[in-house]
Amino acid sequence: MFAFQSLACRAACALVVTASLIAATPAMAQADAPSAGTATTVDGATAGLPTTKKAAATKVDNPYGIDALWAQSDGVTKGVLLILGIMSMASWYVIVTKLLEQSKMGRQARKAEREFWSAGTVQAGTEKLADGSPFRFIADAGVQATQKHDGLHGKVDFNDWVDLSIHRATERVQRRLSNGMSLLATVGSTSPFVGLFGTVWGIYHALTAIGIAGQASIDKVAGPVGESLIMTALGLAVAVPAVLGYNWLLRRNSAVMDDVRDFSGELHSVLLSSGQPA
């Protein structure tokens, strides 16, 4: 966090220096203003009102927009834009898929609560659960633990063996539910720095343009400075949804895993009460 603030302060200082160099331009522009104003007056008198209306109706493309940024940028800038685009699409893909997965598990938890515990046996209740359901996976693990408590496994206490099997299945469900969360954390923590790199690169172009032109005119630095600001905005636009999505999905994962652990604990108690294969 402190490193990010330091880099941001350096980028801001560079922008301030660039702006101070640009501030010297109006005085030079005012010196040329009379001749430009005279030429404009003559042209306006000659053109007349219809030409003015036609000029007003003409649509002027923004030379400093994102389209112009892509068309006029070099390979480094395009690479930064592509990286930010890939990060954004990946984070949104994870957010949408995890929301769908969590909603599906919520429905499966309600179905297990409604149908599994009303069955006569654990095996009968397991067959009522949908294939691929995490609750079906845990129930199958519990049933198989009671049926395979023999050989070397038979030397392990029945309670410990069933608890180990159900706990292992529950942990696998939790790891599956956590897939993709590390991607959101990575995007949320690195995309601001990727955008900041684009900002520094744009400021470098602005200073280079000033050095080549020998003066800090608006038309020389407006493009590179605008490019750097766009990069900063894009970096934040990618990071904010990833961070918010990570925190939101993490809280929803906790709620879903509470249902899974409740099911596992109750299943463990039922299997121990039987004391024999389900």
C-alpha atoms as a PDB file:
ATOM      1  CA  MET A   1       0.000   0.000   0.000  1.00  0.00           C
ATOM      2  CA  PHE A   2       2.812   2.433   0.902  1.00  0.00           C
ATOM      3  CA  ALA A   3       4.655   1.535  -2.306  1.00  0.00           C
ATOM      4  CA  PHE A   4       1.510   2.262  -4.334  1.00  0.00           C
ATOM      5  CA  GLN A   5       1.076   5.650  -2.614  1.00  0.00           C
ATOM      6  CA  SER A   6       4.728   6.511  -3.322  1.00  0.00           C
ATOM      7  CA  LEU A   7       4.405   5.630  -7.007  1.00  0.00           C
ATOM      8  CA  ALA A   8       1.143   7.530  -7.263  1.00  0.00           C
ATOM      9  CA  CYS A   9       2.745  10.598  -5.681  1.00  0.00           C
ATOM     10  CA  ARG A  10       5.627  10.428  -8.172  1.00  0.00           C
ATOM     11  CA  ALA A  11       3.199  10.183 -11.085  1.00  0.00           C
ATOM     12  CA  ALA A  12       1.224  13.136  -9.727  1.00  0.00           C
ATOM     13  CA  CYS A  13       4.405  15.200  -9.350  1.00  0.00           C
ATOM     14  CA  ALA A  14       5.341  14.421 -12.937  1.00  0.00           C
ATOM     15  CA  LEU A  15       1.905  15.559 -14.119  1.00  0.00           C
ATOM     16  CA  VAL A  16       2.264  18.782 -12.112  1.00  0.00           C
ATOM     17  CA  VAL A  17       5.651  19.466 -13.707  1.00  0.00           C
ATOM     18  CA  THR A  18       4.171  18.866 -17.150  1.00  0.00           C
ATOM     19  CA  ALA A  19       1.247  21.166 -16.383  1.00  0.00           C
ATOM     20  CA  SER A  20       3.626  23.906 -15.200  1.00  0.00           C
ATOM     21  CA  LEU A  21       5.522  23.653 -18.467  1.00  0.00           C
ATOM     22  CA  ILE A  22       2.274  23.934 -20.401  1.00  0.00           C
ATOM     23  CA  ALA A  23       1.305  27.016 -18.381  1.00  0.00           C
ATOM     24  CA  ALA A  24       3.996  29.015 -20.207  1.00  0.00           C
ATOM     25  CA  THR A  25       2.224  28.478 -23.514  1.00  0.00           C
ATOM     26  CA  PRO A  26      -0.655  31.050 -23.231  1.00  0.00           C
ATOM     27  CA  ALA A  27       1.774  33.986 -23.275  1.00  0.00           C
ATOM     28  CA  MET A  28       3.229  32.803 -26.545  1.00  0.00           C
ATOM     29  CA  ALA A  29      -0.216  32.104 -27.949  1.00  0.00           C
ATOM     30  CA  GLN A  30      -1.429  35.637 -27.019  1.00  0.00           C
ATOM     31  CA  ALA A  31       1.436  37.176 -28.993  1.00  0.00           C
ATOM     32  CA  ASP A  32       0.155  35.541 -32.145  1.00  0.00           C
ATOM     33  CA  ALA A  33      -3.503  36.209 -31.337  1.00  0.00           C
ATOM     34  CA  PRO A  34      -3.989  39.550 -33.253  1.00  0.00           C
ATOM     35  CA  SER A  35      -2.942  38.189 -36.636  1.00  0.00           C
ATOM     36  CA  ALA A  36      -4.966  35.031 -36.114  1.00  0.00           C
ATOM     37  CA  GLY A  37      -7.973  37.090 -35.057  1.00  0.00           C
ATOM     38  CA  THR A  38      -7.687  39.307 -38.157  1.00  0.00           C
ATOM     39  CA  ALA A  39      -7.523  36.300 -40.456  1.00  0.00           C
ATOM     40  CA  THR A  40     -10.523  34.784 -38.713  1.00  0.00           C
ATOM     41  CA  THR A  41     -12.521  38.005 -39.139  1.00  0.00           C
ATOM     42  CA  VAL A  42     -11.809  38.155 -42.867  1.00  0.00           C
ATOM     43  CA  ASP A  43     -12.638  34.505 -43.363  1.00  0.00           C
ATOM     44  CA  GLY A  44     -15.845  34.864 -41.367  1.00  0.00           C
ATOM     45  CA  ALA A  45     -16.957  37.873 -43.374  1.00  0.00           C
ATOM     46  CA  THR A  46     -16.289  36.053 -46.618  1.00  0.00           C
ATOM     47  CA  ALA A  47     -17.859  32.743 -45.607  1.00  0.00           C
ATOM     48  CA  GLY A  48     -21.095  34.135 -44.236  1.00  0.00           C
ATOM     49  CA  LEU A  49     -23.777  32.527 -42.068  1.00  0.00           C
ATOM     50  CA  PRO A  50     -24.406  29.327 -44.115  1.00  0.00           C
ATOM     51  CA  THR A  51     -20.783  28.234 -43.687  1.00  0.00           C
ATOM     52  CA  THR A  52     -21.037  28.744 -39.922  1.00  0.00           C
ATOM     53  CA  LYS A  53     -24.139  26.558 -39.708  1.00  0.00           C
ATOM     54  CA  LYS A  54     -22.477  23.890 -41.787  1.00  0.00           C
ATOM     55  CA  ALA A  55     -19.399  23.892 -39.552  1.00  0.00           C
ATOM     56  CA  ALA A  56     -21.582  23.621 -36.460  1.00  0.00           C
ATOM     57  CA  ALA A  57     -23.430  20.674 -37.931  1.00  0.00           C
ATOM     58  CA  THR A  58     -20.184  18.831 -38.748  1.00  0.00           C
ATOM     59  CA  LYS A  59     -19.278  16.183 -36.178  1.00  0.00           C
ATOM     60  CA  VAL A  60     -15.677  16.375 -34.959  1.00  0.00           C
ATOM     61  CA  ASP A  61     -14.086  13.134 -33.694  1.00  0.00           C
ATOM     62  CA  ASN A  62     -12.306  13.274 -30.342  1.00  0.00           C
ATOM     63  CA  PRO A  63      -8.560  13.127 -31.078  1.00  0.00           C
ATOM     64  CA  TYR A  64      -7.822  12.250 -27.449  1.00  0.00           C
ATOM     65  CA  GLY A  65     -10.321   9.421 -26.846  1.00  0.00           C
ATOM     66  CA  ILE A  66      -9.703   5.720 -26.393  1.00  0.00           C
ATOM     67  CA  ASP A  67      -9.961   5.071 -30.145  1.00  0.00           C
ATOM     68  CA  ALA A  68      -7.297   7.694 -30.828  1.00  0.00           C
ATOM     69  CA  LEU A  69      -5.220   6.283 -27.980  1.00  0.00           C
ATOM     70  CA  TRP A  70      -5.192   2.840 -29.574  1.00  0.00           C
ATOM     71  CA  ALA A  71      -4.550   4.168 -33.092  1.00  0.00           C
ATOM     72  CA  GLN A  72      -1.694   6.493 -32.091  1.00  0.00           C
ATOM     73  CA  SER A  73      -0.083   4.447 -29.314  1.00  0.00           C
ATOM     74  CA  ASP A  74       3.069   2.373 -29.549  1.00  0.00           C
ATOM     75  CA  GLY A  75       3.578  -1.308 -28.762  1.00  0.00           C
ATOM     76  CA  VAL A  76       4.123  -0.770 -25.029  1.00  0.00           C
ATOM     77  CA  THR A  77       0.873   1.149 -24.598  1.00  0.00           C
ATOM     78  CA  LYS A  78      -1.079  -1.407 -26.601  1.00  0.00           C
ATOM     79  CA  GLY A  79       0.457  -4.173 -24.526  1.00  0.00           C
ATOM     80  CA  VAL A  80      -0.660  -2.461 -21.310  1.00  0.00           C
ATOM     81  CA  LEU A  81      -4.170  -2.021 -22.706  1.00  0.00           C
ATOM     82  CA  LEU A  82      -4.337  -5.702 -23.685  1.00  0.00           C
ATOM     83  CA  ILE A  83      -3.142  -6.817 -20.252  1.00  0.00           C
ATOM     84  CA  LEU A  84      -5.752  -4.672 -18.526  1.00  0.00           C
ATOM     85  CA  GLY A  85      -8.441  -5.977 -20.880  1.00  0.00           C
ATOM     86  CA  ILE A  86      -7.511  -9.604 -20.194  1.00  0.00           C
ATOM     87  CA  MET A  87      -7.469  -8.946 -16.444  1.00  0.00           C
ATOM     88  CA  SER A  88     -10.900  -7.336 -16.590  1.00  0.00           C
ATOM     89  CA  MET A  89     -12.479 -10.142 -18.630  1.00  0.00           C
ATOM     90  CA  ALA A  90     -10.940 -12.830 -16.405  1.00  0.00           C
ATOM     91  CA  SER A  91     -12.139 -11.180 -13.197  1.00  0.00           C
ATOM     92  CA  TRP A  92     -15.679 -10.696 -14.494  1.00  0.00           C
ATOM     93  CA  TYR A  93     -15.754 -14.309 -15.707  1.00  0.00           C
ATOM     94  CA  VAL A  94     -14.791 -15.522 -12.229  1.00  0.00           C
ATOM     95  CA  ILE A  95     -17.324 -13.246 -10.543  1.00  0.00           C
ATOM     96  CA  VAL A  96     -20.222 -14.401 -12.739  1.00  0.00           C
ATOM     97  CA  THR A  97     -19.355 -18.116 -12.612  1.00  0.00           C
ATOM     98  CA  LYS A  98     -18.842 -18.092  -8.840  1.00  0.00           C
ATOM     99  CA  LEU A  99     -22.174 -16.339  -8.305  1.00  0.00           C
ATOM    100  CA  LEU A 100     -23.913 -18.995 -10.405  1.00  0.00           C
ATOM    101  CA  GLU A 101     -22.099 -21.779  -8.570  1.00  0.00           C
ATOM    102  CA  GLN A 102     -22.977 -20.372  -5.156  1.00  0.00           C
ATOM    103  CA  SER A 103     -26.621 -19.933  -6.123  1.00  0.00           C
ATOM    104  CA  LYS A 104     -26.731 -23.523  -7.345  1.00  0.00           C
ATOM    105  CA  MET A 105     -25.218 -24.800  -4.106  1.00  0.00           C
ATOM    106  CA  GLY A 106     -27.783 -22.809  -2.135  1.00  0.00           C
ATOM    107  CA  ARG A 107     -30.597 -24.554  -4.005  1.00  0.00           C
ATOM    108  CA  GLN A 108     -28.933 -27.924  -3.470  1.00  0.00           C
ATOM    109  CA  ALA A 109     -28.616 -27.219   0.249  1.00  0.00           C
ATOM    110  CA  ARG A 110     -32.344 -26.500   0.509  1.00  0.00           C
ATOM    111  CA  LYS A 111     -33.132 -29.675  -1.434  1.00  0.00           C
ATOM    112  CA  ALA A 112     -30.893 -31.750   0.854  1.00  0.00           C
ATOM    113  CA  GLU A 113     -32.570 -30.264   3.907  1.00  0.00           C
ATOM    114  CA  ARG A 114     -35.985 -31.032   2.480  1.00  0.00           C
ATOM    115  CA  GLU A 115     -35.464 -34.516   1.028  1.00  0.00           C
ATOM    116  CA  PHE A 116     -32.351 -36.164   2.453  1.00  0.00           C
ATOM    117  CA  TRP A 117     -33.293 -36.219   6.123  1.00  0.00           C
ATOM    118  CA  SER A 118     -36.798 -37.475   5.446  1.00  0.00           C
ATOM    119  CA  ALA A 119     -35.464 -40.724   3.889  1.00  0.00           C
ATOM    120  CA  GLY A 120     -35.450 -43.988   5.819  1.00  0.00           C
ATOM    121  CA  THR A 121     -31.721 -44.662   5.408  1.00  0.00           C
ATOM    122  CA  VAL A 122     -28.607 -42.740   4.475  1.00  0.00           C
ATOM    123  CA  GLN A 123     -28.319 -44.697   1.236  1.00  0.00           C
ATOM    124  CA  ALA A 124     -31.915 -43.873   0.269  1.00  0.00           C
ATOM    125  CA  GLY A 125     -31.378 -40.210   1.087  1.00  0.00           C
ATOM    126  CA  THR A 126     -28.186 -40.149  -0.966  1.00  0.00           C
ATOM    127  CA  GLU A 127     -30.014 -41.397  -4.039  1.00  0.00           C
ATOM    128  CA  LYS A 128     -32.417 -38.453  -3.803  1.00  0.00           C
ATOM    129  CA  LEU A 129     -29.573 -35.967  -4.191  1.00  0.00           C
ATOM    130  CA  ALA A 130     -28.530 -34.807  -7.666  1.00  0.00           C
ATOM    131  CA  ASP A 131     -25.355 -36.145  -9.240  1.00  0.00           C
ATOM    132  CA  GLY A 132     -22.529 -33.644  -8.989  1.00  0.00           C
ATOM    133  CA  SER A 133     -23.988 -32.057  -5.886  1.00  0.00           C
ATOM    134  CA  PRO A 134     -21.434 -31.427  -3.115  1.00  0.00           C
ATOM    135  CA  PHE A 135     -23.944 -32.852  -0.640  1.00  0.00           C
ATOM    136  CA  ARG A 136     -24.180 -36.028  -2.720  1.00  0.00           C
ATOM    137  CA  PHE A 137     -20.376 -36.191  -2.763  1.00  0.00           C
ATOM    138  CA  ILE A 138     -20.167 -35.910   1.029  1.00  0.00           C
ATOM    139  CA  ALA A 139     -22.975 -38.427   1.588  1.00  0.00           C
ATOM    140  CA  ASP A 140     -21.297 -40.916  -0.744  1.00  0.00           C
ATOM    141  CA  ALA A 141     -18.024 -40.456   1.132  1.00  0.00           C
ATOM    142  CA  GLY A 142     -19.759 -41.173   4.436  1.00  0.00           C
ATOM    143  CA  VAL A 143     -21.508 -44.269   3.116  1.00  0.00           C
ATOM    144  CA  GLN A 144     -18.306 -45.625   1.572  1.00  0.00           C
ATOM    145  CA  ALA A 145     -16.462 -45.039   4.854  1.00  0.00           C
ATOM    146  CA  THR A 146     -18.896 -47.312   6.686  1.00  0.00           C
ATOM    147  CA  GLN A 147     -18.644 -49.977   3.987  1.00  0.00           C
ATOM    148  CA  LYS A 148     -14.832 -49.963   3.768  1.00  0.00           C
ATOM    149  CA  HIS A 149     -14.031 -50.122   7.459  1.00  0.00           C
ATOM    150  CA  ASP A 150     -12.054 -53.346   7.122  1.00  0.00           C
ATOM    151  CA  GLY A 151      -8.494 -54.526   6.632  1.00  0.00           C
ATOM    152  CA  LEU A 152      -5.988 -51.921   7.749  1.00  0.00           C
ATOM    153  CA  HIS A 153      -8.798 -49.377   7.897  1.00  0.00           C
ATOM    154  CA  GLY A 154     -10.540 -51.620  10.407  1.00  0.00           C
ATOM    155  CA  LYS A 155      -7.741 -50.985  12.907  1.00  0.00           C
ATOM    156  CA  VAL A 156      -8.781 -47.337  13.008  1.00  0.00           C
ATOM    157  CA  ASP A 157     -11.554 -46.407  15.386  1.00  0.00           C
ATOM    158  CA  PHE A 158     -14.884 -46.337  13.547  1.00  0.00           C
ATOM    159  CA  ASN A 159     -15.663 -42.825  14.790  1.00  0.00           C
ATOM    160  CA  ASP A 160     -12.277 -41.479  13.652  1.00  0.00           C
ATOM    161  CA  TRP A 161     -12.495 -43.247  10.290  1.00  0.00           C
ATOM    162  CA  VAL A 162     -15.941 -41.856   9.426  1.00  0.00           C
ATOM    163  CA  ASP A 163     -14.982 -38.404  10.685  1.00  0.00           C
ATOM    164  CA  LEU A 164     -11.809 -38.455   8.574  1.00  0.00           C
ATOM    165  CA  SER A 165     -13.684 -39.486   5.421  1.00  0.00           C
ATOM    166  CA  ILE A 166     -16.400 -36.848   5.799  1.00  0.00           C
ATOM    167  CA  HIS A 167     -13.900 -34.153   6.751  1.00  0.00           C
ATOM    168  CA  ARG A 168     -11.764 -34.957   3.726  1.00  0.00           C
ATOM    169  CA  ALA A 169     -14.790 -34.705   1.406  1.00  0.00           C
ATOM    170  CA  THR A 170     -15.819 -31.400   3.001  1.00  0.00           C
ATOM    171  CA  GLU A 171     -12.347 -29.948   2.510  1.00  0.00           C
ATOM    172  CA  ARG A 172     -12.441 -30.909  -1.161  1.00  0.00           C
ATOM    173  CA  VAL A 173     -15.752 -29.100  -1.570  1.00  0.00           C
ATOM    174  CA  GLN A 174     -14.252 -26.008   0.070  1.00  0.00           C
ATOM    175  CA  ARG A 175     -11.184 -26.065  -2.205  1.00  0.00           C
ATOM    176  CA  ARG A 176     -13.427 -26.360  -5.239  1.00  0.00           C
ATOM    177  CA  LEU A 177     -15.521 -23.450  -4.024  1.00  0.00           C
ATOM    178  CA  SER A 178     -12.384 -21.333  -3.583  1.00  0.00           C
ATOM    179  CA  ASN A 179     -11.209 -21.814  -7.169  1.00  0.00           C
ATOM    180  CA  GLY A 180     -10.765 -18.473  -8.912  1.00  0.00           C
ATOM    181  CA  MET A 181     -10.577 -16.394  -5.742  1.00  0.00           C
ATOM    182  CA  SER A 182      -6.804 -16.090  -6.018  1.00  0.00           C
ATOM    183  CA  LEU A 183      -7.239 -14.664  -9.533  1.00  0.00           C
ATOM    184  CA  LEU A 184      -9.478 -11.879  -8.199  1.00  0.00           C
ATOM    185  CA  ALA A 185      -6.961 -11.115  -5.460  1.00  0.00           C
ATOM    186  CA  THR A 186      -4.135 -10.974  -8.012  1.00  0.00           C
ATOM    187  CA  VAL A 187      -6.034  -8.689 -10.386  1.00  0.00           C
ATOM    188  CA  GLY A 188      -7.157  -6.398  -7.574  1.00  0.00           C
ATOM    189  CA  SER A 189      -3.620  -5.980  -6.254  1.00  0.00           C
ATOM    190  CA  THR A 190      -1.658  -5.705  -9.522  1.00  0.00           C
ATOM    191  CA  SER A 191      -3.898  -3.908 -12.041  1.00  0.00           C
ATOM    192  CA  PRO A 192      -3.388  -0.444 -10.418  1.00  0.00           C
ATOM    193  CA  PHE A 193       0.361  -0.873 -10.897  1.00  0.00           C
ATOM    194  CA  VAL A 194      -0.130  -1.956 -14.504  1.00  0.00           C
ATOM    195  CA  GLY A 195      -2.149   1.218 -15.087  1.00  0.00           C
ATOM    196  CA  LEU A 196       0.490   3.235 -13.245  1.00  0.00           C
ATOM    197  CA  PHE A 197       3.137   1.865 -15.600  1.00  0.00           C
ATOM    198  CA  GLY A 198       1.048   3.151 -18.508  1.00  0.00           C
ATOM    199  CA  THR A 199       0.811   6.506 -16.726  1.00  0.00           C
ATOM    200  CA  VAL A 200       4.581   6.773 -16.370  1.00  0.00           C
ATOM    201  CA  TRP A 201       5.013   5.773 -20.016  1.00  0.00           C
ATOM    202  CA  GLY A 202       2.582   8.503 -21.123  1.00  0.00           C
ATOM    203  CA  ILE A 203       4.391  11.140 -19.066  1.00  0.00           C
ATOM    204  CA  TYR A 204       7.664  10.016 -20.633  1.00  0.00           C
ATOM    205  CA  HIS A 205       6.140  10.576 -24.079  1.00  0.00           C
ATOM    206  CA  ALA A 206       4.929  14.031 -23.012  1.00  0.00           C
ATOM    207  CA  LEU A 207       8.377  15.069 -21.818  1.00  0.00           C
ATOM    208  CA  THR A 208       9.953  13.649 -24.980  1.00  0.00           C
ATOM    209  CA  ALA A 209       7.539  15.659 -27.128  1.00  0.00           C
ATOM    210  CA  ILE A 210       8.430  18.822 -25.215  1.00  0.00           C
ATOM    211  CA  GLY A 211      12.141  18.172 -25.697  1.00  0.00           C
ATOM    212  CA  ILE A 212      11.773  17.596 -29.442  1.00  0.00           C
ATOM    213  CA  ALA A 213       9.521  20.633 -30.011  1.00  0.00           C
ATOM    214  CA  GLY A 214      11.570  22.922 -27.783  1.00  0.00           C
ATOM    215  CA  GLN A 215       8.414  24.373 -26.220  1.00  0.00           C
ATOM    216  CA  ALA A 216       5.566  23.126 -24.051  1.00  0.00           C
ATOM    217  CA  SER A 217       2.662  23.635 -26.444  1.00  0.00           C
ATOM    218  CA  ILE A 218      -0.734  22.097 -25.745  1.00  0.00           C
ATOM    219  CA  ASP A 219      -0.873  20.136 -28.995  1.00  0.00           C
ATOM    220  CA  LYS A 220       2.457  18.467 -28.205  1.00  0.00           C
ATOM    221  CA  VAL A 221       1.650  17.176 -24.707  1.00  0.00           C
ATOM    222  CA  ALA A 222      -2.143  16.863 -24.660  1.00  0.00           C
ATOM    223  CA  GLY A 223      -2.068  13.411 -26.277  1.00  0.00           C
ATOM    224  CA  PRO A 224       0.590  11.805 -24.052  1.00  0.00           C
ATOM    225  CA  VAL A 225      -0.796  13.362 -20.857  1.00  0.00           C
ATOM    226  CA  GLY A 226      -4.312  12.270 -21.773  1.00  0.00           C
ATOM    227  CA  GLU A 227      -2.931   8.793 -22.497  1.00  0.00           C
ATOM    228  CA  SER A 228      -1.373   8.627 -19.034  1.00  0.00           C
ATOM    229  CA  LEU A 229      -4.604   9.694 -17.346  1.00  0.00           C
ATOM    230  CA  ILE A 230      -6.597   7.118 -19.299  1.00  0.00           C
ATOM    231  CA  MET A 231      -4.164   4.403 -18.216  1.00  0.00           C
ATOM    232  CA  THR A 232      -4.598   5.382 -14.568  1.00  0.00           C
ATOM    233  CA  ALA A 233      -8.382   5.315 -14.904  1.00  0.00           C
ATOM    234  CA  LEU A 234      -8.356   1.922 -16.643  1.00  0.00           C
ATOM    235  CA  GLY A 235      -6.128   0.419 -13.961  1.00  0.00           C
ATOM    236  CA  LEU A 236      -8.556   1.529 -11.256  1.00  0.00           C
ATOM    237  CA  ALA A 237     -11.565   0.405 -13.312  1.00  0.00           C
ATOM    238  CA  VAL A 238     -10.100  -3.102 -13.471  1.00  0.00           C
ATOM    239  CA  ALA A 239      -9.011  -3.241  -9.819  1.00  0.00           C
ATOM    240  CA  VAL A 240     -12.166  -1.970  -8.082  1.00  0.00           C
ATOM    241  CA  PRO A 241     -14.604  -4.660  -9.383  1.00  0.00           C
ATOM    242  CA  ALA A 242     -12.039  -7.383  -8.666  1.00  0.00           C
ATOM    243  CA  VAL A 243     -11.555  -6.266  -5.044  1.00  0.00           C
ATOM    244  CA  LEU A 244     -15.267  -5.764  -4.398  1.00  0.00           C
ATOM    245  CA  GLY A 245     -16.086  -9.083  -6.078  1.00  0.00           C
ATOM    246  CA  TYR A 246     -13.446 -10.895  -4.030  1.00  0.00           C
ATOM    247  CA  ASN A 247     -14.816  -9.623  -0.719  1.00  0.00           C
ATOM    248  CA  TRP A 248     -18.419 -10.293  -1.727  1.00  0.00           C
ATOM    249  CA  LEU A 249     -17.749 -13.816  -2.992  1.00  0.00           C
ATOM    250  CA  LEU A 250     -15.648 -14.604   0.089  1.00  0.00           C
ATOM    251  CA  ARG A 251     -18.564 -13.713   2.346  1.00  0.00           C
ATOM    252  CA  ARG A 252     -20.969 -15.769   0.226  1.00  0.00           C
ATOM    253  CA  ASN A 253     -18.538 -18.714   0.287  1.00  0.00           C
ATOM    254  CA  SER A 254     -18.610 -18.626   4.076  1.00  0.00           C
ATOM    255  CA  ALA A 255     -22.408 -18.776   4.082  1.00  0.00           C
ATOM    256  CA  VAL A 256     -22.459 -21.716   1.644  1.00  0.00           C
ATOM    257  CA  MET A 257     -19.788 -23.614   3.584  1.00  0.00           C
ATOM    258  CA  ASP A 258     -21.821 -23.195   6.770  1.00  0.00           C
ATOM    259  CA  ASP A 259     -24.588 -25.239   5.118  1.00  0.00           C
ATOM    260  CA  VAL A 260     -22.055 -27.825   3.931  1.00  0.00           C
ATOM    261  CA  ARG A 261     -20.486 -28.197   7.390  1.00  0.00           C
ATOM    262  CA  ASP A 262     -23.890 -28.461   9.047  1.00  0.00           C
ATOM    263  CA  PHE A 263     -24.797 -31.267   6.639  1.00  0.00           C
ATOM    264  CA  SER A 264     -21.466 -33.018   7.271  1.00  0.00           C
ATOM    265  CA  GLY A 265     -21.822 -32.835  11.048  1.00  0.00           C
ATOM    266  CA  GLU A 266     -25.373 -34.190  11.026  1.00  0.00           C
ATOM    267  CA  LEU A 267     -24.401 -36.952   8.596  1.00  0.00           C
ATOM    268  CA  HIS A 268     -21.524 -37.933  10.859  1.00  0.00           C
ATOM    269  CA  SER A 269     -23.849 -38.208  13.834  1.00  0.00           C
ATOM    270  CA  VAL A 270     -26.344 -40.344  11.898  1.00  0.00           C
ATOM    271  CA  LEU A 271     -23.661 -42.730  10.669  1.00  0.00           C
ATOM    272  CA  LEU A 272     -22.204 -43.125  14.146  1.00  0.00           C
ATOM    273  CA  SER A 273     -25.623 -43.788  15.639  1.00  0.00           C
ATOM    274  CA  SER A 274     -26.115 -46.703  13.231  1.00  0.00           C
ATOM    275  CA  GLY A 275     -22.722 -48.223  14.037  1.00  0.00           C
ATOM    276  CA  GLN A 276     -22.896 -50.357  10.885  1.00  0.00           C
ATOM    277  CA  PRO A 277     -22.879 -49.962   7.115  1.00  0.00           C
ATOM    278  CA  ALA A 278     -25.614 -47.582   5.964  1.00  0.00           C
END
